[in-house]
Amino acid sequence: MCYPIEVRVLKEGNIIDKVKGFAPFNVQRLWFYELAKKKIACFSPQINECILKSLSIYNYMIKKIHDSIRKIDVSNQVVVTAHGLTFKYERLVYTWPLDILIKMISNVGASELLTLLNDTTNKIRYVSIYARSYIVYEKTPSTISHKIELYFHGTKASRLHTIIKIPIAEHTILLYALTSYSEYYPLLPGVGDKIHSELRRHKVLTSSMQVLDYSDANIVYGLLNIPPKEALEKVCEELKKHNIVLFGRVAEWREYDVPSLLFKHPLLNIV
């Protein structure tokens, strides 16, 4: 499905600083601005199925375990889960935030590796994003919209910085309302209700709209800073010696679009 994009500015201001949560460092990608610069955006309703098919991975090949990793013994290549299960791995594909890896590696003999990880993660910064999403039924639309509407607000007068409206069916839209936060611009208590109130105030949500459902998401590692490339490459090489492969935008601390994330590695050779 492809839609034209219409960009509107609710309030002029330093939108980039607001998107960054007023953090005093640059981030790798400003996703919202990238979307705004496009004239057309396309989405696949079956994106998950398309990704798995492109990797030649099918449901019968996937063994799922609902658990979390508590400890990684890099010397013996053993993973211990929160429920006490133990797995020996030939190669571990690590996708979680890079700074959490330090807490999982337990070996005393891995002090050099831990020192390297500590030195690197001390250079890592991020901006978090709080998102409220709605499914909205528009009872009496003036016109049937077949476009994505993108709104920006650039001052502290509103907590919102980006609103995205996507038509998903006749009279039905998917609406995302986003605010960034950091240690320099903390998240307010009751921010979800404040977002809802501001959507009403800016007339993005109107009396002709019925909210069918909504949910909140807290994306801790929303936008990533630009740490030294050499430090990250050194970490990757050192982890490979222990058969740990970093993969994913947070584990590698690199911002990717979907195609580059999927095809950057020869995946079938590392799993």
C-alpha atoms as a PDB file:
ATOM      1  CA  MET A   1       0.000   0.000   0.000  1.00  0.00           C
ATOM      2  CA  CYS A   2       1.367   3.400  -0.967  1.00  0.00           C
ATOM      3  CA  TYR A   3       0.200   6.801   0.203  1.00  0.00           C
ATOM      4  CA  PRO A   4       1.151  10.391  -0.633  1.00  0.00           C
ATOM      5  CA  ILE A   5       2.492  12.335   2.359  1.00  0.00           C
ATOM      6  CA  GLU A   6       1.210  15.717   3.464  1.00  0.00           C
ATOM      7  CA  VAL A   7       3.315  17.620   6.018  1.00  0.00           C
ATOM      8  CA  ARG A   8       1.856  20.246   8.328  1.00  0.00           C
ATOM      9  CA  VAL A   9       3.591  22.386  10.960  1.00  0.00           C
ATOM     10  CA  LEU A  10       1.443  23.082  14.004  1.00  0.00           C
ATOM     11  CA  LYS A  11       4.019  25.409  15.545  1.00  0.00           C
ATOM     12  CA  GLU A  12       7.314  26.650  14.125  1.00  0.00           C
ATOM     13  CA  GLY A  13      10.401  26.131  16.270  1.00  0.00           C
ATOM     14  CA  ASN A  14      13.522  24.018  16.643  1.00  0.00           C
ATOM     15  CA  ILE A  15      11.812  20.755  15.778  1.00  0.00           C
ATOM     16  CA  ILE A  16      15.082  18.802  15.512  1.00  0.00           C
ATOM     17  CA  ASP A  17      16.131  19.732  19.062  1.00  0.00           C
ATOM     18  CA  LYS A  18      12.689  18.798  20.338  1.00  0.00           C
ATOM     19  CA  VAL A  19      12.773  15.428  18.537  1.00  0.00           C
ATOM     20  CA  LYS A  20      16.168  14.812  20.186  1.00  0.00           C
ATOM     21  CA  GLY A  21      14.699  15.524  23.619  1.00  0.00           C
ATOM     22  CA  PHE A  22      16.979  18.595  23.769  1.00  0.00           C
ATOM     23  CA  ALA A  23      19.968  16.285  24.240  1.00  0.00           C
ATOM     24  CA  PRO A  24      23.295  18.005  23.397  1.00  0.00           C
ATOM     25  CA  PHE A  25      24.502  15.347  20.948  1.00  0.00           C
ATOM     26  CA  ASN A  26      23.750  14.353  17.386  1.00  0.00           C
ATOM     27  CA  VAL A  27      21.771  11.248  16.576  1.00  0.00           C
ATOM     28  CA  GLN A  28      22.334   8.943  13.633  1.00  0.00           C
ATOM     29  CA  ARG A  29      18.950   9.218  11.944  1.00  0.00           C
ATOM     30  CA  LEU A  30      15.936  11.469  12.386  1.00  0.00           C
ATOM     31  CA  TRP A  31      13.324   9.000  11.176  1.00  0.00           C
ATOM     32  CA  PHE A  32      10.487  11.508  11.284  1.00  0.00           C
ATOM     33  CA  TYR A  33      12.309  13.967   9.044  1.00  0.00           C
ATOM     34  CA  GLU A  34      13.197  11.188   6.624  1.00  0.00           C
ATOM     35  CA  LEU A  35       9.499  10.356   6.350  1.00  0.00           C
ATOM     36  CA  ALA A  36       8.617  14.024   5.887  1.00  0.00           C
ATOM     37  CA  LYS A  37      11.026  14.371   2.956  1.00  0.00           C
ATOM     38  CA  LYS A  38       9.360  11.529   1.078  1.00  0.00           C
ATOM     39  CA  LYS A  39       6.495  12.319  -1.261  1.00  0.00           C
ATOM     40  CA  ILE A  40       5.153   8.770  -1.067  1.00  0.00           C
ATOM     41  CA  ALA A  41       5.421   6.095   1.647  1.00  0.00           C
ATOM     42  CA  CYS A  42       4.664   2.418   1.056  1.00  0.00           C
ATOM     43  CA  PHE A  43       3.832  -0.271   3.621  1.00  0.00           C
ATOM     44  CA  SER A  44       3.232  -3.977   3.385  1.00  0.00           C
ATOM     45  CA  PRO A  45       0.315  -5.328   5.483  1.00  0.00           C
ATOM     46  CA  GLN A  46       2.175  -8.652   5.695  1.00  0.00           C
ATOM     47  CA  ILE A  47       5.603  -7.200   6.565  1.00  0.00           C
ATOM     48  CA  ASN A  48       6.509  -9.962   9.061  1.00  0.00           C
ATOM     49  CA  GLU A  49       5.646 -12.732   6.603  1.00  0.00           C
ATOM     50  CA  CYS A  50       7.612 -10.967   3.857  1.00  0.00           C
ATOM     51  CA  ILE A  51      10.702 -10.645   6.071  1.00  0.00           C
ATOM     52  CA  LEU A  52      10.681 -14.309   7.112  1.00  0.00           C
ATOM     53  CA  LYS A  53      10.076 -15.465   3.545  1.00  0.00           C
ATOM     54  CA  SER A  54      12.948 -13.324   2.252  1.00  0.00           C
ATOM     55  CA  LEU A  55      15.234 -15.076   4.748  1.00  0.00           C
ATOM     56  CA  SER A  56      13.889 -18.531   3.831  1.00  0.00           C
ATOM     57  CA  ILE A  57      12.663 -18.937   7.415  1.00  0.00           C
ATOM     58  CA  TYR A  58       9.338 -20.678   7.922  1.00  0.00           C
ATOM     59  CA  ASN A  59       7.271 -21.294  11.050  1.00  0.00           C
ATOM     60  CA  TYR A  60       8.224 -24.953  11.314  1.00  0.00           C
ATOM     61  CA  MET A  61      11.909 -23.942  11.538  1.00  0.00           C
ATOM     62  CA  ILE A  62      11.431 -21.616  14.523  1.00  0.00           C
ATOM     63  CA  LYS A  63      11.611 -22.989  18.053  1.00  0.00           C
ATOM     64  CA  LYS A  64      10.366 -20.352  20.485  1.00  0.00           C
ATOM     65  CA  ILE A  65      11.194 -20.257  24.173  1.00  0.00           C
ATOM     66  CA  HIS A  66       9.459 -17.645  26.308  1.00  0.00           C
ATOM     67  CA  ASP A  67      12.323 -16.803  28.619  1.00  0.00           C
ATOM     68  CA  SER A  68      15.076 -14.239  29.058  1.00  0.00           C
ATOM     69  CA  ILE A  69      18.838 -14.545  29.345  1.00  0.00           C
ATOM     70  CA  ARG A  70      20.289 -14.087  32.830  1.00  0.00           C
ATOM     71  CA  LYS A  71      23.917 -15.029  32.294  1.00  0.00           C
ATOM     72  CA  ILE A  72      26.347 -15.730  29.453  1.00  0.00           C
ATOM     73  CA  ASP A  73      29.415 -17.862  30.162  1.00  0.00           C
ATOM     74  CA  VAL A  74      31.656 -16.834  27.271  1.00  0.00           C
ATOM     75  CA  SER A  75      34.463 -19.255  28.173  1.00  0.00           C
ATOM     76  CA  ASN A  76      32.235 -22.342  27.951  1.00  0.00           C
ATOM     77  CA  GLN A  77      29.715 -20.842  25.490  1.00  0.00           C
ATOM     78  CA  VAL A  78      26.768 -21.427  27.787  1.00  0.00           C
ATOM     79  CA  VAL A  79      23.608 -19.342  28.247  1.00  0.00           C
ATOM     80  CA  VAL A  80      21.603 -19.457  31.491  1.00  0.00           C
ATOM     81  CA  THR A  81      18.004 -18.208  31.366  1.00  0.00           C
ATOM     82  CA  ALA A  82      15.922 -16.469  34.033  1.00  0.00           C
ATOM     83  CA  HIS A  83      14.049 -19.759  34.611  1.00  0.00           C
ATOM     84  CA  GLY A  84      17.268 -21.679  35.170  1.00  0.00           C
ATOM     85  CA  LEU A  85      17.489 -23.396  31.774  1.00  0.00           C
ATOM     86  CA  THR A  86      20.996 -23.926  30.403  1.00  0.00           C
ATOM     87  CA  PHE A  87      21.911 -23.972  26.717  1.00  0.00           C
ATOM     88  CA  LYS A  88      25.247 -24.515  25.076  1.00  0.00           C
ATOM     89  CA  TYR A  89      25.582 -22.432  21.933  1.00  0.00           C
ATOM     90  CA  GLU A  90      27.766 -22.725  18.863  1.00  0.00           C
ATOM     91  CA  ARG A  91      27.103 -19.125  17.948  1.00  0.00           C
ATOM     92  CA  LEU A  92      25.032 -16.575  19.809  1.00  0.00           C
ATOM     93  CA  VAL A  93      23.253 -13.867  17.806  1.00  0.00           C
ATOM     94  CA  TYR A  94      22.825 -11.012  20.261  1.00  0.00           C
ATOM     95  CA  THR A  95      20.078  -8.486  19.455  1.00  0.00           C
ATOM     96  CA  TRP A  96      19.457  -6.762  22.782  1.00  0.00           C
ATOM     97  CA  PRO A  97      20.828  -3.332  23.792  1.00  0.00           C
ATOM     98  CA  LEU A  98      24.607  -3.410  23.795  1.00  0.00           C
ATOM     99  CA  ASP A  99      24.926  -1.936  27.301  1.00  0.00           C
ATOM    100  CA  ILE A 100      22.910  -4.830  28.806  1.00  0.00           C
ATOM    101  CA  LEU A 101      25.469  -7.357  27.525  1.00  0.00           C
ATOM    102  CA  ILE A 102      27.934  -6.291  30.230  1.00  0.00           C
ATOM    103  CA  LYS A 103      25.534  -7.404  32.977  1.00  0.00           C
ATOM    104  CA  MET A 104      25.123 -10.828  31.379  1.00  0.00           C
ATOM    105  CA  ILE A 105      28.763 -11.813  30.935  1.00  0.00           C
ATOM    106  CA  SER A 106      29.773 -13.538  34.157  1.00  0.00           C
ATOM    107  CA  ASN A 107      33.284 -14.834  33.554  1.00  0.00           C
ATOM    108  CA  VAL A 108      36.092 -13.555  35.737  1.00  0.00           C
ATOM    109  CA  GLY A 109      38.454 -14.515  32.931  1.00  0.00           C
ATOM    110  CA  ALA A 110      36.655 -12.142  30.572  1.00  0.00           C
ATOM    111  CA  SER A 111      37.933  -9.005  32.310  1.00  0.00           C
ATOM    112  CA  GLU A 112      39.574  -7.628  29.162  1.00  0.00           C
ATOM    113  CA  LEU A 113      36.360  -8.109  27.198  1.00  0.00           C
ATOM    114  CA  LEU A 114      34.310  -6.456  29.952  1.00  0.00           C
ATOM    115  CA  THR A 115      36.728  -3.522  30.128  1.00  0.00           C
ATOM    116  CA  LEU A 116      36.406  -3.047  26.375  1.00  0.00           C
ATOM    117  CA  LEU A 117      32.608  -3.217  26.566  1.00  0.00           C
ATOM    118  CA  ASN A 118      32.549  -0.751  29.455  1.00  0.00           C
ATOM    119  CA  ASP A 119      34.786   1.719  27.626  1.00  0.00           C
ATOM    120  CA  THR A 120      32.585   1.526  24.544  1.00  0.00           C
ATOM    121  CA  THR A 121      29.204   1.729  26.251  1.00  0.00           C
ATOM    122  CA  ASN A 122      30.376   4.789  28.188  1.00  0.00           C
ATOM    123  CA  LYS A 123      30.376   6.512  24.793  1.00  0.00           C
ATOM    124  CA  ILE A 124      26.799   5.418  24.049  1.00  0.00           C
ATOM    125  CA  ARG A 125      23.881   7.826  24.393  1.00  0.00           C
ATOM    126  CA  TYR A 126      20.279   7.607  23.341  1.00  0.00           C
ATOM    127  CA  VAL A 127      17.005   9.521  23.283  1.00  0.00           C
ATOM    128  CA  SER A 128      13.816   7.723  24.300  1.00  0.00           C
ATOM    129  CA  ILE A 129      10.426   8.020  22.618  1.00  0.00           C
ATOM    130  CA  TYR A 130       7.004   7.697  24.199  1.00  0.00           C
ATOM    131  CA  ALA A 131       4.292   6.908  21.665  1.00  0.00           C
ATOM    132  CA  ARG A 132       0.543   6.762  21.993  1.00  0.00           C
ATOM    133  CA  SER A 133      -1.213   5.011  19.108  1.00  0.00           C
ATOM    134  CA  TYR A 134      -4.909   5.073  18.289  1.00  0.00           C
ATOM    135  CA  ILE A 135      -7.314   3.298  16.000  1.00  0.00           C
ATOM    136  CA  VAL A 136      -9.892   5.940  15.162  1.00  0.00           C
ATOM    137  CA  TYR A 137     -13.195   5.723  13.311  1.00  0.00           C
ATOM    138  CA  GLU A 138     -14.121   8.988  11.617  1.00  0.00           C
ATOM    139  CA  LYS A 139     -17.913   9.098  11.627  1.00  0.00           C
ATOM    140  CA  THR A 140     -18.441  11.984   9.216  1.00  0.00           C
ATOM    141  CA  PRO A 141     -15.251  12.720   7.257  1.00  0.00           C
ATOM    142  CA  SER A 142     -15.515  15.752   4.988  1.00  0.00           C
ATOM    143  CA  THR A 143     -13.490  13.875   2.388  1.00  0.00           C
ATOM    144  CA  ILE A 144     -12.156  10.338   2.179  1.00  0.00           C
ATOM    145  CA  SER A 145      -8.424  10.605   2.827  1.00  0.00           C
ATOM    146  CA  HIS A 146      -5.960   8.420   0.959  1.00  0.00           C
ATOM    147  CA  LYS A 147      -2.855  10.190   2.257  1.00  0.00           C
ATOM    148  CA  ILE A 148      -0.546  10.102   5.260  1.00  0.00           C
ATOM    149  CA  GLU A 149      -0.739  13.280   7.306  1.00  0.00           C
ATOM    150  CA  LEU A 150       2.403  14.227   9.215  1.00  0.00           C
ATOM    151  CA  TYR A 151       2.272  17.009  11.834  1.00  0.00           C
ATOM    152  CA  PHE A 152       5.221  18.693  13.593  1.00  0.00           C
ATOM    153  CA  HIS A 153       5.273  20.921  16.671  1.00  0.00           C
ATOM    154  CA  GLY A 154       8.560  22.704  17.392  1.00  0.00           C
ATOM    155  CA  THR A 155       8.236  24.386  20.811  1.00  0.00           C
ATOM    156  CA  LYS A 156       7.889  23.381  24.458  1.00  0.00           C
ATOM    157  CA  ALA A 157       4.349  24.768  24.476  1.00  0.00           C
ATOM    158  CA  SER A 158       3.254  21.242  23.533  1.00  0.00           C
ATOM    159  CA  ARG A 159       4.770  17.959  24.646  1.00  0.00           C
ATOM    160  CA  LEU A 160       4.109  16.393  21.222  1.00  0.00           C
ATOM    161  CA  HIS A 161       6.651  16.769  18.457  1.00  0.00           C
ATOM    162  CA  THR A 162       5.263  14.436  15.773  1.00  0.00           C
ATOM    163  CA  ILE A 163       1.811  13.136  14.847  1.00  0.00           C
ATOM    164  CA  ILE A 164       1.276  10.602  12.056  1.00  0.00           C
ATOM    165  CA  LYS A 165      -2.145   9.741  10.600  1.00  0.00           C
ATOM    166  CA  ILE A 166      -2.364   6.706   8.298  1.00  0.00           C
ATOM    167  CA  PRO A 167      -5.613   5.581   6.625  1.00  0.00           C
ATOM    168  CA  ILE A 168      -6.049   1.814   7.084  1.00  0.00           C
ATOM    169  CA  ALA A 169      -9.666   1.299   5.950  1.00  0.00           C
ATOM    170  CA  GLU A 170     -12.653   3.336   4.875  1.00  0.00           C
ATOM    171  CA  HIS A 171     -13.375   5.869   7.662  1.00  0.00           C
ATOM    172  CA  THR A 172     -10.657   4.286   9.833  1.00  0.00           C
ATOM    173  CA  ILE A 173      -7.225   5.719  10.582  1.00  0.00           C
ATOM    174  CA  LEU A 174      -4.167   4.695  12.568  1.00  0.00           C
ATOM    175  CA  LEU A 175      -2.799   7.636  14.537  1.00  0.00           C
ATOM    176  CA  TYR A 176       0.590   7.883  16.252  1.00  0.00           C
ATOM    177  CA  ALA A 177       1.429  10.720  18.647  1.00  0.00           C
ATOM    178  CA  LEU A 178       5.087  10.942  19.702  1.00  0.00           C
ATOM    179  CA  THR A 179       7.120  12.749  22.326  1.00  0.00           C
ATOM    180  CA  SER A 180      10.842  12.377  23.035  1.00  0.00           C
ATOM    181  CA  TYR A 181      12.484  12.428  26.425  1.00  0.00           C
ATOM    182  CA  SER A 182      15.979  12.336  27.865  1.00  0.00           C
ATOM    183  CA  GLU A 183      17.821  13.329  31.014  1.00  0.00           C
ATOM    184  CA  TYR A 184      17.678  16.872  29.622  1.00  0.00           C
ATOM    185  CA  TYR A 185      13.919  16.758  28.965  1.00  0.00           C
ATOM    186  CA  PRO A 186      12.353  14.243  31.396  1.00  0.00           C
ATOM    187  CA  LEU A 187       9.109  12.396  30.810  1.00  0.00           C
ATOM    188  CA  LEU A 188       6.185  13.971  32.657  1.00  0.00           C
ATOM    189  CA  PRO A 189       3.820  11.970  34.894  1.00  0.00           C
ATOM    190  CA  GLY A 190       0.542  11.326  33.104  1.00  0.00           C
ATOM    191  CA  VAL A 191       2.078  12.044  29.718  1.00  0.00           C
ATOM    192  CA  GLY A 192      -0.437   9.788  27.922  1.00  0.00           C
ATOM    193  CA  ASP A 193      -3.371  11.908  29.103  1.00  0.00           C
ATOM    194  CA  LYS A 194      -1.468  15.075  28.206  1.00  0.00           C
ATOM    195  CA  ILE A 195      -0.884  13.758  24.685  1.00  0.00           C
ATOM    196  CA  HIS A 196      -4.587  12.999  24.322  1.00  0.00           C
ATOM    197  CA  SER A 197      -5.503  16.490  25.518  1.00  0.00           C
ATOM    198  CA  GLU A 198      -3.086  18.098  23.058  1.00  0.00           C
ATOM    199  CA  LEU A 199      -4.474  16.073  20.164  1.00  0.00           C
ATOM    200  CA  ARG A 200      -7.884  17.511  21.021  1.00  0.00           C
ATOM    201  CA  ARG A 201      -6.481  21.029  21.368  1.00  0.00           C
ATOM    202  CA  HIS A 202      -4.769  20.865  17.966  1.00  0.00           C
ATOM    203  CA  LYS A 203      -7.958  19.389  16.466  1.00  0.00           C
ATOM    204  CA  VAL A 204      -6.175  16.269  15.252  1.00  0.00           C
ATOM    205  CA  LEU A 205      -8.763  14.349  17.256  1.00  0.00           C
ATOM    206  CA  THR A 206     -12.201  15.917  16.726  1.00  0.00           C
ATOM    207  CA  SER A 207     -15.769  15.344  17.853  1.00  0.00           C
ATOM    208  CA  SER A 208     -16.486  13.485  14.610  1.00  0.00           C
ATOM    209  CA  MET A 209     -13.911  10.819  15.556  1.00  0.00           C
ATOM    210  CA  GLN A 210     -14.521   7.778  17.742  1.00  0.00           C
ATOM    211  CA  VAL A 211     -11.477   6.203  19.416  1.00  0.00           C
ATOM    212  CA  LEU A 212     -11.885   2.454  18.960  1.00  0.00           C
ATOM    213  CA  ASP A 213      -8.695   1.516  20.782  1.00  0.00           C
ATOM    214  CA  TYR A 214      -5.410   3.003  21.962  1.00  0.00           C
ATOM    215  CA  SER A 215      -2.137   1.832  23.472  1.00  0.00           C
ATOM    216  CA  ASP A 216       1.077   3.328  24.827  1.00  0.00           C
ATOM    217  CA  ALA A 217       4.617   2.293  23.979  1.00  0.00           C
ATOM    218  CA  ASN A 218       7.824   3.382  25.657  1.00  0.00           C
ATOM    219  CA  ILE A 219      10.750   3.035  23.224  1.00  0.00           C
ATOM    220  CA  VAL A 220      13.778   3.435  25.474  1.00  0.00           C
ATOM    221  CA  TYR A 221      16.387   3.341  22.705  1.00  0.00           C
ATOM    222  CA  GLY A 222      14.425   5.530  20.293  1.00  0.00           C
ATOM    223  CA  LEU A 223      17.253   7.518  18.683  1.00  0.00           C
ATOM    224  CA  LEU A 224      20.924   6.539  18.880  1.00  0.00           C
ATOM    225  CA  ASN A 225      23.966   8.789  19.111  1.00  0.00           C
ATOM    226  CA  ILE A 226      27.081   8.454  16.944  1.00  0.00           C
ATOM    227  CA  PRO A 227      29.803   6.708  18.974  1.00  0.00           C
ATOM    228  CA  PRO A 228      33.312   6.151  17.546  1.00  0.00           C
ATOM    229  CA  LYS A 229      33.122   3.628  14.724  1.00  0.00           C
ATOM    230  CA  GLU A 230      36.508   2.131  15.631  1.00  0.00           C
ATOM    231  CA  ALA A 231      35.401   1.341  19.192  1.00  0.00           C
ATOM    232  CA  LEU A 232      32.311  -0.532  17.989  1.00  0.00           C
ATOM    233  CA  GLU A 233      34.288  -2.472  15.387  1.00  0.00           C
ATOM    234  CA  LYS A 234      36.767  -3.538  18.062  1.00  0.00           C
ATOM    235  CA  VAL A 235      33.916  -4.770  20.270  1.00  0.00           C
ATOM    236  CA  CYS A 236      32.436  -6.759  17.361  1.00  0.00           C
ATOM    237  CA  GLU A 237      35.765  -8.408  16.604  1.00  0.00           C
ATOM    238  CA  GLU A 238      36.416  -9.295  20.245  1.00  0.00           C
ATOM    239  CA  LEU A 239      32.924 -10.791  20.680  1.00  0.00           C
ATOM    240  CA  LYS A 240      33.352 -12.867  17.528  1.00  0.00           C
ATOM    241  CA  LYS A 241      36.289 -14.586  19.232  1.00  0.00           C
ATOM    242  CA  HIS A 242      33.718 -15.828  21.762  1.00  0.00           C
ATOM    243  CA  ASN A 243      31.250 -16.722  18.975  1.00  0.00           C
ATOM    244  CA  ILE A 244      28.904 -13.841  19.813  1.00  0.00           C
ATOM    245  CA  VAL A 245      27.557 -11.912  16.834  1.00  0.00           C
ATOM    246  CA  LEU A 246      25.963  -8.494  17.306  1.00  0.00           C
ATOM    247  CA  PHE A 247      22.899  -8.027  15.161  1.00  0.00           C
ATOM    248  CA  GLY A 248      20.165  -5.421  15.103  1.00  0.00           C
ATOM    249  CA  ARG A 249      20.014  -1.653  15.337  1.00  0.00           C
ATOM    250  CA  VAL A 250      20.631  -1.532  19.106  1.00  0.00           C
ATOM    251  CA  ALA A 251      23.107  -4.381  19.492  1.00  0.00           C
ATOM    252  CA  GLU A 252      25.280  -2.920  16.740  1.00  0.00           C
ATOM    253  CA  TRP A 253      24.361   0.625  17.760  1.00  0.00           C
ATOM    254  CA  ARG A 254      23.604   1.514  14.165  1.00  0.00           C
ATOM    255  CA  GLU A 255      20.391   2.904  12.705  1.00  0.00           C
ATOM    256  CA  TYR A 256      19.140   0.811   9.761  1.00  0.00           C
ATOM    257  CA  ASP A 257      16.133   0.784   7.520  1.00  0.00           C
ATOM    258  CA  VAL A 258      14.513  -2.639   7.135  1.00  0.00           C
ATOM    259  CA  PRO A 259      16.343  -3.784   3.939  1.00  0.00           C
ATOM    260  CA  SER A 260      19.822  -2.854   5.193  1.00  0.00           C
ATOM    261  CA  LEU A 261      19.123  -4.423   8.589  1.00  0.00           C
ATOM    262  CA  LEU A 262      18.056  -7.678   6.971  1.00  0.00           C
ATOM    263  CA  PHE A 263      20.686  -8.039   4.296  1.00  0.00           C
ATOM    264  CA  LYS A 264      23.754  -6.486   5.899  1.00  0.00           C
ATOM    265  CA  HIS A 265      24.804  -9.933   7.138  1.00  0.00           C
ATOM    266  CA  PRO A 266      24.787 -13.355   5.477  1.00  0.00           C
ATOM    267  CA  LEU A 267      22.153 -14.406   8.009  1.00  0.00           C
ATOM    268  CA  LEU A 268      21.854 -18.037   7.040  1.00  0.00           C
ATOM    269  CA  ASN A 269      25.548 -18.494   7.774  1.00  0.00           C
ATOM    270  CA  ILE A 270      25.534 -17.083  11.281  1.00  0.00           C
ATOM    271  CA  VAL A 271      22.454 -18.637  12.861  1.00  0.00           C
END
